[in-house]
Amino acid sequence: MKIKYQIQGMSCCGCVNHVKHALLEIPGVEDADVQLNPQSVLLTMREPVTMDVLQAQLGKAGNYSIREIIAIA
């Protein structure tokens, strides 16, 4: 399943890498296509992951926040 989310707090390519690596550590997340402009991520997952889990993982990586679902592909 693929779901696109809005991300906040990224300002450079280093941020993109931090967010990507943090999200890929979550069990069930197979791919994270992170974009700086607009700040978003397209997650490919084997099973649904809650917003709480996503936010907790991003909080460990830095001052990033994940927002509402933009689209389900």
Foldseek 3Di string as FASTA:
>chain_A
DKWKWAKDDDDDVVLQVLLFVLVCVDPFWDGWDADVVRGMIITDGPDDDDLVVSQVSSVVSHPMHIDDIPDDD
